[in-house]
Amino acid sequence: MSTVHGIDVSSYQSSAYSTDGLDFVFVKATEGRTYVNPRMEAQADHARRAGLVVGFYHFLHPGNIDAQAEHFVEQCDSVEGDILACDWESTGAGAASCAEKDAFLRKVKALRPGHRVILYCNRDFWRNRDSTSYAGDGLWIADYVDAGSPRIEADWLVHQFTDDPVDTNVARFASRSEMRAWAGGGGSTPPRAAYEPFPGADFFRSSPVSPVITAMGRRLVAEGCSAYADGPGPRWTDADRASYRRWQQKLGFSGADADGWPGAKSWDALKVPRS
């Protein structure tokens, strides 16, 4: 479903960035309690003239959460139907806590109840610093892997998959108009992904015990690639690796690309159901 593409920009980017092939743009609006992006209005106007869905984000600092939320909504150049986002990551003064992140999202939602309010963070923050799984109206996750395959188990709304040459994203909407309807409050959140996202190569090398392994094994059996004497079961075994090697070979991979360790492309092709 990730057919909707966009970028995010800040004062480091021109106000005349290319909009070719884009459906949405997130513009940095504010940071902390005082900073305002001097190019915010021009960058947002550029996106609006191209007919794109527009969002704004605030770079969250630790402390003074209510004041930061008020600064964001007062200075942000948003109009009805724009998405608002909290950028939760490390700063020169450390990082806001999970509780502060949650409080900021809720405060912005209270101040601007007509807007969708979402959370941006990277995979490390989501997996190791978040303890509530609260992301407001949706999760914008940064994980630099294949577009649309972030290595998290949670549902996500937007995936930032590279910063080269600019922060680039895909969103889980079928079209720009569907995203615009959702942003305006008239659409529903995109459905839960039907298939397991690629959990990352390290996941398999850690000898996992997971229902994801069972679901993977059943798909390998269905594809005629079984090397199992028994099972498949939830524990990763040599039989799983041998079966996966057959799947890679079936896809046309060879040599080191058919070593039995799952990769993002072969995993996506296998279409492992969500467990």
C-alpha atoms as a PDB file:
ATOM      1  CA  MET A   1       0.000   0.000   0.000  1.00  0.00           C
ATOM      2  CA  SER A   2       3.009   2.343   0.384  1.00  0.00           C
ATOM      3  CA  THR A   3       2.499   4.127  -2.925  1.00  0.00           C
ATOM      4  CA  VAL A   4       2.415   7.666  -1.514  1.00  0.00           C
ATOM      5  CA  HIS A   5       5.786   9.427  -1.460  1.00  0.00           C
ATOM      6  CA  GLY A   6       7.095  12.485   0.316  1.00  0.00           C
ATOM      7  CA  ILE A   7      10.034  14.278   1.875  1.00  0.00           C
ATOM      8  CA  ASP A   8      10.682  16.346   4.973  1.00  0.00           C
ATOM      9  CA  VAL A   9      12.557  19.639   4.852  1.00  0.00           C
ATOM     10  CA  SER A  10      14.053  22.173   7.247  1.00  0.00           C
ATOM     11  CA  SER A  11      16.045  25.380   6.960  1.00  0.00           C
ATOM     12  CA  TYR A  12      18.900  23.316   5.486  1.00  0.00           C
ATOM     13  CA  GLN A  13      16.859  22.828   2.309  1.00  0.00           C
ATOM     14  CA  SER A  14      15.867  25.370  -0.306  1.00  0.00           C
ATOM     15  CA  SER A  15      12.366  26.782  -0.423  1.00  0.00           C
ATOM     16  CA  ALA A  16      12.274  25.780  -4.095  1.00  0.00           C
ATOM     17  CA  TYR A  17      12.895  22.057  -3.611  1.00  0.00           C
ATOM     18  CA  SER A  18      11.715  19.678  -6.322  1.00  0.00           C
ATOM     19  CA  THR A  19       8.176  18.360  -5.895  1.00  0.00           C
ATOM     20  CA  ASP A  20       8.388  15.915  -8.799  1.00  0.00           C
ATOM     21  CA  GLY A  21       6.934  12.548  -7.813  1.00  0.00           C
ATOM     22  CA  LEU A  22       5.892  13.761  -4.370  1.00  0.00           C
ATOM     23  CA  ASP A  23       2.530  13.524  -2.636  1.00  0.00           C
ATOM     24  CA  PHE A  24       3.358  15.100   0.718  1.00  0.00           C
ATOM     25  CA  VAL A  25       5.930  17.271   2.482  1.00  0.00           C
ATOM     26  CA  PHE A  26       6.659  17.712   6.172  1.00  0.00           C
ATOM     27  CA  VAL A  27       8.207  21.086   7.019  1.00  0.00           C
ATOM     28  CA  LYS A  28      10.162  21.791  10.192  1.00  0.00           C
ATOM     29  CA  ALA A  29       8.328  24.557  12.010  1.00  0.00           C
ATOM     30  CA  THR A  30       9.862  24.974  15.447  1.00  0.00           C
ATOM     31  CA  GLU A  31      12.344  23.642  17.981  1.00  0.00           C
ATOM     32  CA  GLY A  32      12.438  23.993  21.746  1.00  0.00           C
ATOM     33  CA  ARG A  33      10.736  27.110  23.070  1.00  0.00           C
ATOM     34  CA  THR A  34      12.136  29.812  20.764  1.00  0.00           C
ATOM     35  CA  TYR A  35      13.368  28.572  17.375  1.00  0.00           C
ATOM     36  CA  VAL A  36      11.269  29.086  14.247  1.00  0.00           C
ATOM     37  CA  ASN A  37      12.382  27.829  10.832  1.00  0.00           C
ATOM     38  CA  PRO A  38      12.899  31.022   8.770  1.00  0.00           C
ATOM     39  CA  ARG A  39      11.969  29.160   5.576  1.00  0.00           C
ATOM     40  CA  MET A  40       8.847  27.492   6.962  1.00  0.00           C
ATOM     41  CA  GLU A  41       6.218  29.628   5.247  1.00  0.00           C
ATOM     42  CA  ALA A  42       7.960  29.598   1.866  1.00  0.00           C
ATOM     43  CA  GLN A  43       8.575  25.830   2.025  1.00  0.00           C
ATOM     44  CA  ALA A  44       4.946  25.147   2.953  1.00  0.00           C
ATOM     45  CA  ASP A  45       3.607  27.493   0.259  1.00  0.00           C
ATOM     46  CA  HIS A  46       5.786  25.701  -2.302  1.00  0.00           C
ATOM     47  CA  ALA A  47       4.177  22.380  -1.349  1.00  0.00           C
ATOM     48  CA  ARG A  48       0.658  23.810  -1.401  1.00  0.00           C
ATOM     49  CA  ARG A  49       1.149  25.271  -4.884  1.00  0.00           C
ATOM     50  CA  ALA A  50       2.125  21.778  -6.065  1.00  0.00           C
ATOM     51  CA  GLY A  51      -1.065  20.328  -4.551  1.00  0.00           C
ATOM     52  CA  LEU A  52       0.745  18.262  -1.940  1.00  0.00           C
ATOM     53  CA  VAL A  53      -0.441  17.188   1.509  1.00  0.00           C
ATOM     54  CA  VAL A  54       1.375  19.369   4.051  1.00  0.00           C
ATOM     55  CA  GLY A  55       2.591  18.601   7.551  1.00  0.00           C
ATOM     56  CA  PHE A  56       4.677  20.464  10.126  1.00  0.00           C
ATOM     57  CA  TYR A  57       6.953  19.126  12.835  1.00  0.00           C
ATOM     58  CA  HIS A  58       8.426  20.366  16.093  1.00  0.00           C
ATOM     59  CA  PHE A  59      11.883  19.233  17.241  1.00  0.00           C
ATOM     60  CA  LEU A  60      11.227  18.302  20.861  1.00  0.00           C
ATOM     61  CA  HIS A  61      13.645  19.231  23.655  1.00  0.00           C
ATOM     62  CA  PRO A  62      13.488  17.907  27.212  1.00  0.00           C
ATOM     63  CA  GLY A  63      11.605  20.074  29.710  1.00  0.00           C
ATOM     64  CA  ASN A  64       8.997  22.860  29.407  1.00  0.00           C
ATOM     65  CA  ILE A  65       6.669  20.610  27.448  1.00  0.00           C
ATOM     66  CA  ASP A  66       3.526  22.771  27.599  1.00  0.00           C
ATOM     67  CA  ALA A  67       5.527  25.842  26.559  1.00  0.00           C
ATOM     68  CA  GLN A  68       7.011  23.945  23.624  1.00  0.00           C
ATOM     69  CA  ALA A  69       3.575  22.772  22.495  1.00  0.00           C
ATOM     70  CA  GLU A  70       2.211  26.305  22.676  1.00  0.00           C
ATOM     71  CA  HIS A  71       5.222  27.657  20.783  1.00  0.00           C
ATOM     72  CA  PHE A  72       4.692  25.037  18.057  1.00  0.00           C
ATOM     73  CA  VAL A  73       1.002  25.645  17.432  1.00  0.00           C
ATOM     74  CA  GLU A  74       1.328  29.440  17.659  1.00  0.00           C
ATOM     75  CA  GLN A  75       4.265  29.728  15.250  1.00  0.00           C
ATOM     76  CA  CYS A  76       3.433  26.880  12.871  1.00  0.00           C
ATOM     77  CA  ASP A  77       1.997  28.009   9.515  1.00  0.00           C
ATOM     78  CA  SER A  78      -0.685  25.299   9.556  1.00  0.00           C
ATOM     79  CA  VAL A  79      -4.171  25.437   8.125  1.00  0.00           C
ATOM     80  CA  GLU A  80      -7.077  23.025   8.457  1.00  0.00           C
ATOM     81  CA  GLY A  81      -6.139  19.626   7.067  1.00  0.00           C
ATOM     82  CA  ASP A  82      -2.405  19.873   7.794  1.00  0.00           C
ATOM     83  CA  ILE A  83      -0.694  17.154   9.844  1.00  0.00           C
ATOM     84  CA  LEU A  84       1.243  18.095  12.983  1.00  0.00           C
ATOM     85  CA  ALA A  85       4.171  15.986  14.214  1.00  0.00           C
ATOM     86  CA  CYS A  86       6.467  15.657  17.194  1.00  0.00           C
ATOM     87  CA  ASP A  87      10.103  14.957  16.256  1.00  0.00           C
ATOM     88  CA  TRP A  88      11.456  12.868  19.145  1.00  0.00           C
ATOM     89  CA  GLU A  89      15.197  12.278  18.972  1.00  0.00           C
ATOM     90  CA  SER A  90      18.460  13.261  20.644  1.00  0.00           C
ATOM     91  CA  THR A  91      19.306  16.946  21.038  1.00  0.00           C
ATOM     92  CA  GLY A  92      22.384  18.768  22.253  1.00  0.00           C
ATOM     93  CA  ALA A  93      20.682  18.853  25.653  1.00  0.00           C
ATOM     94  CA  GLY A  94      19.834  15.156  25.682  1.00  0.00           C
ATOM     95  CA  ALA A  95      16.478  13.693  24.757  1.00  0.00           C
ATOM     96  CA  ALA A  96      12.967  14.191  26.055  1.00  0.00           C
ATOM     97  CA  SER A  97      11.666  11.255  28.067  1.00  0.00           C
ATOM     98  CA  CYS A  98       8.901   8.979  26.880  1.00  0.00           C
ATOM     99  CA  ALA A  99       6.539  10.651  29.351  1.00  0.00           C
ATOM    100  CA  GLU A 100       7.472  14.076  27.969  1.00  0.00           C
ATOM    101  CA  LYS A 101       6.907  12.849  24.419  1.00  0.00           C
ATOM    102  CA  ASP A 102       3.449  11.582  25.383  1.00  0.00           C
ATOM    103  CA  ALA A 103       2.614  14.832  27.180  1.00  0.00           C
ATOM    104  CA  PHE A 104       3.650  16.919  24.161  1.00  0.00           C
ATOM    105  CA  LEU A 105       1.499  14.903  21.767  1.00  0.00           C
ATOM    106  CA  ARG A 106      -1.509  15.172  24.052  1.00  0.00           C
ATOM    107  CA  LYS A 107      -1.004  18.903  24.620  1.00  0.00           C
ATOM    108  CA  VAL A 108      -0.782  19.638  20.895  1.00  0.00           C
ATOM    109  CA  LYS A 109      -3.889  17.535  20.321  1.00  0.00           C
ATOM    110  CA  ALA A 110      -5.710  19.522  23.002  1.00  0.00           C
ATOM    111  CA  LEU A 111      -4.580  22.839  21.520  1.00  0.00           C
ATOM    112  CA  ARG A 112      -5.392  21.827  17.926  1.00  0.00           C
ATOM    113  CA  PRO A 113      -8.142  19.161  18.190  1.00  0.00           C
ATOM    114  CA  GLY A 114      -9.007  19.464  14.509  1.00  0.00           C
ATOM    115  CA  HIS A 115      -5.569  18.290  13.367  1.00  0.00           C
ATOM    116  CA  ARG A 116      -4.021  14.851  13.138  1.00  0.00           C
ATOM    117  CA  VAL A 117      -1.021  14.729  15.494  1.00  0.00           C
ATOM    118  CA  ILE A 118       1.650  12.068  14.944  1.00  0.00           C
ATOM    119  CA  LEU A 119       5.016  10.969  16.337  1.00  0.00           C
ATOM    120  CA  TYR A 120       8.328  10.862  14.459  1.00  0.00           C
ATOM    121  CA  CYS A 121      11.204   8.846  15.905  1.00  0.00           C
ATOM    122  CA  ASN A 122      13.853   6.409  14.771  1.00  0.00           C
ATOM    123  CA  ARG A 123      13.804   2.658  15.315  1.00  0.00           C
ATOM    124  CA  ASP A 124      16.158   2.828  18.302  1.00  0.00           C
ATOM    125  CA  PHE A 125      13.939   5.308  20.153  1.00  0.00           C
ATOM    126  CA  TRP A 126      10.806   3.296  19.383  1.00  0.00           C
ATOM    127  CA  ARG A 127      12.280  -0.006  20.501  1.00  0.00           C
ATOM    128  CA  ASN A 128      14.510   1.086  23.382  1.00  0.00           C
ATOM    129  CA  ARG A 129      13.245   4.392  24.783  1.00  0.00           C
ATOM    130  CA  ASP A 130       9.507   4.216  24.256  1.00  0.00           C
ATOM    131  CA  SER A 131       7.580   2.373  26.960  1.00  0.00           C
ATOM    132  CA  THR A 132       3.968   3.321  26.160  1.00  0.00           C
ATOM    133  CA  SER A 133       3.611   2.763  22.387  1.00  0.00           C
ATOM    134  CA  TYR A 134       1.754   6.074  22.261  1.00  0.00           C
ATOM    135  CA  ALA A 135       2.151   7.870  18.927  1.00  0.00           C
ATOM    136  CA  GLY A 136      -0.920  10.087  18.839  1.00  0.00           C
ATOM    137  CA  ASP A 137      -2.748   9.547  15.567  1.00  0.00           C
ATOM    138  CA  GLY A 138       0.056   7.591  13.919  1.00  0.00           C
ATOM    139  CA  LEU A 139       3.717   6.612  13.908  1.00  0.00           C
ATOM    140  CA  TRP A 140       6.254   8.123  11.508  1.00  0.00           C
ATOM    141  CA  ILE A 141       9.227   5.793  11.831  1.00  0.00           C
ATOM    142  CA  ALA A 142      12.782   6.329  10.603  1.00  0.00           C
ATOM    143  CA  ASP A 143      14.600   3.127   9.644  1.00  0.00           C
ATOM    144  CA  TYR A 144      16.992   3.183   6.709  1.00  0.00           C
ATOM    145  CA  VAL A 145      16.036  -0.036   4.960  1.00  0.00           C
ATOM    146  CA  ASP A 146      13.872  -0.821   1.915  1.00  0.00           C
ATOM    147  CA  ALA A 147      10.984   1.626   1.557  1.00  0.00           C
ATOM    148  CA  GLY A 148       7.856   0.400   3.305  1.00  0.00           C
ATOM    149  CA  SER A 149       9.633  -2.296   5.349  1.00  0.00           C
ATOM    150  CA  PRO A 150      10.645  -0.717   8.667  1.00  0.00           C
ATOM    151  CA  ARG A 151      11.946  -3.280  11.147  1.00  0.00           C
ATOM    152  CA  ILE A 152       9.325  -2.805  13.840  1.00  0.00           C
ATOM    153  CA  GLU A 153       6.345  -4.858  14.916  1.00  0.00           C
ATOM    154  CA  ALA A 154       4.055  -1.891  15.515  1.00  0.00           C
ATOM    155  CA  ASP A 155       1.773  -0.481  12.872  1.00  0.00           C
ATOM    156  CA  TRP A 156       3.205   2.607  11.226  1.00  0.00           C
ATOM    157  CA  LEU A 157       1.829   5.447   9.152  1.00  0.00           C
ATOM    158  CA  VAL A 158       4.914   6.963   7.466  1.00  0.00           C
ATOM    159  CA  HIS A 159       8.335   5.385   6.896  1.00  0.00           C
ATOM    160  CA  GLN A 160      11.433   7.550   6.449  1.00  0.00           C
ATOM    161  CA  PHE A 161      13.764   5.155   4.640  1.00  0.00           C
ATOM    162  CA  THR A 162      16.725   7.310   3.577  1.00  0.00           C
ATOM    163  CA  ASP A 163      18.316  10.722   4.045  1.00  0.00           C
ATOM    164  CA  ASP A 164      20.199  10.648   0.735  1.00  0.00           C
ATOM    165  CA  PRO A 165      19.992  13.187  -0.836  1.00  0.00           C
ATOM    166  CA  VAL A 166      17.099  14.377   1.353  1.00  0.00           C
ATOM    167  CA  ASP A 167      14.917  12.771   4.030  1.00  0.00           C
ATOM    168  CA  THR A 168      12.575  10.614   1.955  1.00  0.00           C
ATOM    169  CA  ASN A 169       9.415   8.814   3.025  1.00  0.00           C
ATOM    170  CA  VAL A 170       6.563   6.581   1.994  1.00  0.00           C
ATOM    171  CA  ALA A 171       3.135   6.604   3.643  1.00  0.00           C
ATOM    172  CA  ARG A 172       0.646   3.765   4.015  1.00  0.00           C
ATOM    173  CA  PHE A 173      -2.084   5.215   1.838  1.00  0.00           C
ATOM    174  CA  ALA A 174      -3.316   4.070  -1.532  1.00  0.00           C
ATOM    175  CA  SER A 175      -3.308   7.592  -2.966  1.00  0.00           C
ATOM    176  CA  ARG A 176      -2.637  11.238  -2.214  1.00  0.00           C
ATOM    177  CA  SER A 177      -6.375  11.880  -2.001  1.00  0.00           C
ATOM    178  CA  GLU A 178      -6.741   9.135   0.619  1.00  0.00           C
ATOM    179  CA  MET A 179      -3.954  10.690   2.675  1.00  0.00           C
ATOM    180  CA  ARG A 180      -5.534  14.132   2.331  1.00  0.00           C
ATOM    181  CA  ALA A 181      -8.898  12.785   3.484  1.00  0.00           C
ATOM    182  CA  TRP A 182      -7.270  11.162   6.517  1.00  0.00           C
ATOM    183  CA  ALA A 183      -5.337  14.332   7.355  1.00  0.00           C
ATOM    184  CA  GLY A 184      -8.573  16.311   7.235  1.00  0.00           C
ATOM    185  CA  GLY A 185     -10.262  13.948   9.650  1.00  0.00           C
ATOM    186  CA  GLY A 186     -12.570  12.448   7.049  1.00  0.00           C
ATOM    187  CA  GLY A 187     -10.753   9.180   6.430  1.00  0.00           C
ATOM    188  CA  SER A 188      -9.851   6.224   8.585  1.00  0.00           C
ATOM    189  CA  THR A 189      -6.377   5.137   9.628  1.00  0.00           C
ATOM    190  CA  PRO A 190      -4.897   2.785   7.018  1.00  0.00           C
ATOM    191  CA  PRO A 191      -5.559  -0.869   7.804  1.00  0.00           C
ATOM    192  CA  ARG A 192      -3.036  -2.999   9.618  1.00  0.00           C
ATOM    193  CA  ALA A 193      -0.471  -4.423   7.223  1.00  0.00           C
ATOM    194  CA  ALA A 194      -1.420  -7.905   6.037  1.00  0.00           C
ATOM    195  CA  TYR A 195       2.144  -9.208   6.091  1.00  0.00           C
ATOM    196  CA  GLU A 196       4.973  -9.221   8.602  1.00  0.00           C
ATOM    197  CA  PRO A 197       7.543  -6.506   7.871  1.00  0.00           C
ATOM    198  CA  PHE A 198      11.109  -7.706   7.468  1.00  0.00           C
ATOM    199  CA  PRO A 199      12.408  -7.954  11.057  1.00  0.00           C
ATOM    200  CA  GLY A 200      16.031  -7.390  10.063  1.00  0.00           C
ATOM    201  CA  ALA A 201      18.925  -9.772   9.464  1.00  0.00           C
ATOM    202  CA  ASP A 202      20.082  -9.644  13.092  1.00  0.00           C
ATOM    203  CA  PHE A 203      16.735 -11.042  14.216  1.00  0.00           C
ATOM    204  CA  PHE A 204      17.405 -14.396  12.549  1.00  0.00           C
ATOM    205  CA  ARG A 205      21.019 -14.634  13.675  1.00  0.00           C
ATOM    206  CA  SER A 206      19.951 -14.309  17.321  1.00  0.00           C
ATOM    207  CA  SER A 207      18.299 -17.793  17.284  1.00  0.00           C
ATOM    208  CA  PRO A 208      14.830 -16.328  17.861  1.00  0.00           C
ATOM    209  CA  VAL A 209      11.792 -18.099  19.250  1.00  0.00           C
ATOM    210  CA  SER A 210       8.816 -16.320  17.741  1.00  0.00           C
ATOM    211  CA  PRO A 211       5.464 -16.960  16.048  1.00  0.00           C
ATOM    212  CA  VAL A 212       6.963 -15.066  13.098  1.00  0.00           C
ATOM    213  CA  ILE A 213       9.268 -18.061  12.485  1.00  0.00           C
ATOM    214  CA  THR A 214       6.320 -20.449  12.475  1.00  0.00           C
ATOM    215  CA  ALA A 215       4.415 -18.252  10.020  1.00  0.00           C
ATOM    216  CA  MET A 216       7.509 -18.012   7.810  1.00  0.00           C
ATOM    217  CA  GLY A 217       7.972 -21.782   7.862  1.00  0.00           C
ATOM    218  CA  ARG A 218       4.387 -22.407   6.836  1.00  0.00           C
ATOM    219  CA  ARG A 219       4.810 -20.087   3.883  1.00  0.00           C
ATOM    220  CA  LEU A 220       8.017 -21.902   2.869  1.00  0.00           C
ATOM    221  CA  VAL A 221       6.136 -25.209   2.989  1.00  0.00           C
ATOM    222  CA  ALA A 222       3.333 -23.714   0.891  1.00  0.00           C
ATOM    223  CA  GLU A 223       5.903 -22.566  -1.677  1.00  0.00           C
ATOM    224  CA  GLY A 224       7.328 -26.088  -1.982  1.00  0.00           C
ATOM    225  CA  CYS A 225      10.608 -25.174  -0.271  1.00  0.00           C
ATOM    226  CA  SER A 226      10.366 -27.330   2.839  1.00  0.00           C
ATOM    227  CA  ALA A 227      13.494 -28.908   4.294  1.00  0.00           C
ATOM    228  CA  TYR A 228      11.677 -29.765   7.520  1.00  0.00           C
ATOM    229  CA  ALA A 229      11.566 -33.239   9.028  1.00  0.00           C
ATOM    230  CA  ASP A 230       9.153 -31.901  11.649  1.00  0.00           C
ATOM    231  CA  GLY A 231       7.403 -28.602  12.056  1.00  0.00           C
ATOM    232  CA  PRO A 232       7.857 -25.790  11.264  1.00  0.00           C
ATOM    233  CA  GLY A 233       7.872 -24.369  14.765  1.00  0.00           C
ATOM    234  CA  PRO A 234       8.641 -21.065  16.498  1.00  0.00           C
ATOM    235  CA  ARG A 235      12.383 -21.678  17.044  1.00  0.00           C
ATOM    236  CA  TRP A 236      14.806 -20.767  14.233  1.00  0.00           C
ATOM    237  CA  THR A 237      16.705 -23.918  13.253  1.00  0.00           C
ATOM    238  CA  ASP A 238      18.999 -25.225  10.541  1.00  0.00           C
ATOM    239  CA  ALA A 239      15.883 -26.586   8.819  1.00  0.00           C
ATOM    240  CA  ASP A 240      14.481 -23.060   8.589  1.00  0.00           C
ATOM    241  CA  ARG A 241      17.682 -21.824   7.029  1.00  0.00           C
ATOM    242  CA  ALA A 242      17.799 -24.730   4.563  1.00  0.00           C
ATOM    243  CA  SER A 243      14.168 -24.115   3.616  1.00  0.00           C
ATOM    244  CA  TYR A 244      14.788 -20.409   3.188  1.00  0.00           C
ATOM    245  CA  ARG A 245      17.811 -21.153   0.993  1.00  0.00           C
ATOM    246  CA  ARG A 246      15.494 -23.105  -1.309  1.00  0.00           C
ATOM    247  CA  TRP A 247      13.155 -20.115  -1.405  1.00  0.00           C
ATOM    248  CA  GLN A 248      15.995 -17.790  -2.347  1.00  0.00           C
ATOM    249  CA  GLN A 249      17.051 -20.174  -5.111  1.00  0.00           C
ATOM    250  CA  LYS A 250      13.453 -20.357  -6.320  1.00  0.00           C
ATOM    251  CA  LEU A 251      13.516 -16.577  -6.664  1.00  0.00           C
ATOM    252  CA  GLY A 252      16.667 -16.810  -8.769  1.00  0.00           C
ATOM    253  CA  PHE A 253      19.232 -15.842  -6.144  1.00  0.00           C
ATOM    254  CA  SER A 254      22.554 -17.670  -6.043  1.00  0.00           C
ATOM    255  CA  GLY A 255      25.873 -17.703  -4.218  1.00  0.00           C
ATOM    256  CA  ALA A 256      26.022 -15.470  -1.156  1.00  0.00           C
ATOM    257  CA  ASP A 257      22.537 -14.177  -1.975  1.00  0.00           C
ATOM    258  CA  ALA A 258      21.149 -17.674  -1.426  1.00  0.00           C
ATOM    259  CA  ASP A 259      22.771 -18.521   1.900  1.00  0.00           C
ATOM    260  CA  GLY A 260      19.541 -19.138   3.801  1.00  0.00           C
ATOM    261  CA  TRP A 261      19.675 -15.919   5.817  1.00  0.00           C
ATOM    262  CA  PRO A 262      16.551 -13.882   5.013  1.00  0.00           C
ATOM    263  CA  GLY A 263      16.924 -10.522   3.277  1.00  0.00           C
ATOM    264  CA  ALA A 264      14.369  -7.789   2.784  1.00  0.00           C
ATOM    265  CA  LYS A 265      13.581  -8.529  -0.881  1.00  0.00           C
ATOM    266  CA  SER A 266      13.105 -12.270  -0.484  1.00  0.00           C
ATOM    267  CA  TRP A 267      11.151 -11.719   2.736  1.00  0.00           C
ATOM    268  CA  ASP A 268       8.733  -9.301   1.102  1.00  0.00           C
ATOM    269  CA  ALA A 269       8.257 -11.733  -1.762  1.00  0.00           C
ATOM    270  CA  LEU A 270       7.393 -14.539   0.689  1.00  0.00           C
ATOM    271  CA  LYS A 271       4.436 -12.557   2.098  1.00  0.00           C
ATOM    272  CA  VAL A 272       4.517 -13.926   5.636  1.00  0.00           C
ATOM    273  CA  PRO A 273       1.105 -13.284   7.273  1.00  0.00           C
ATOM    274  CA  ARG A 274       0.972 -11.127  10.382  1.00  0.00           C
ATOM    275  CA  SER A 275       1.004 -13.399  13.412  1.00  0.00           C
END
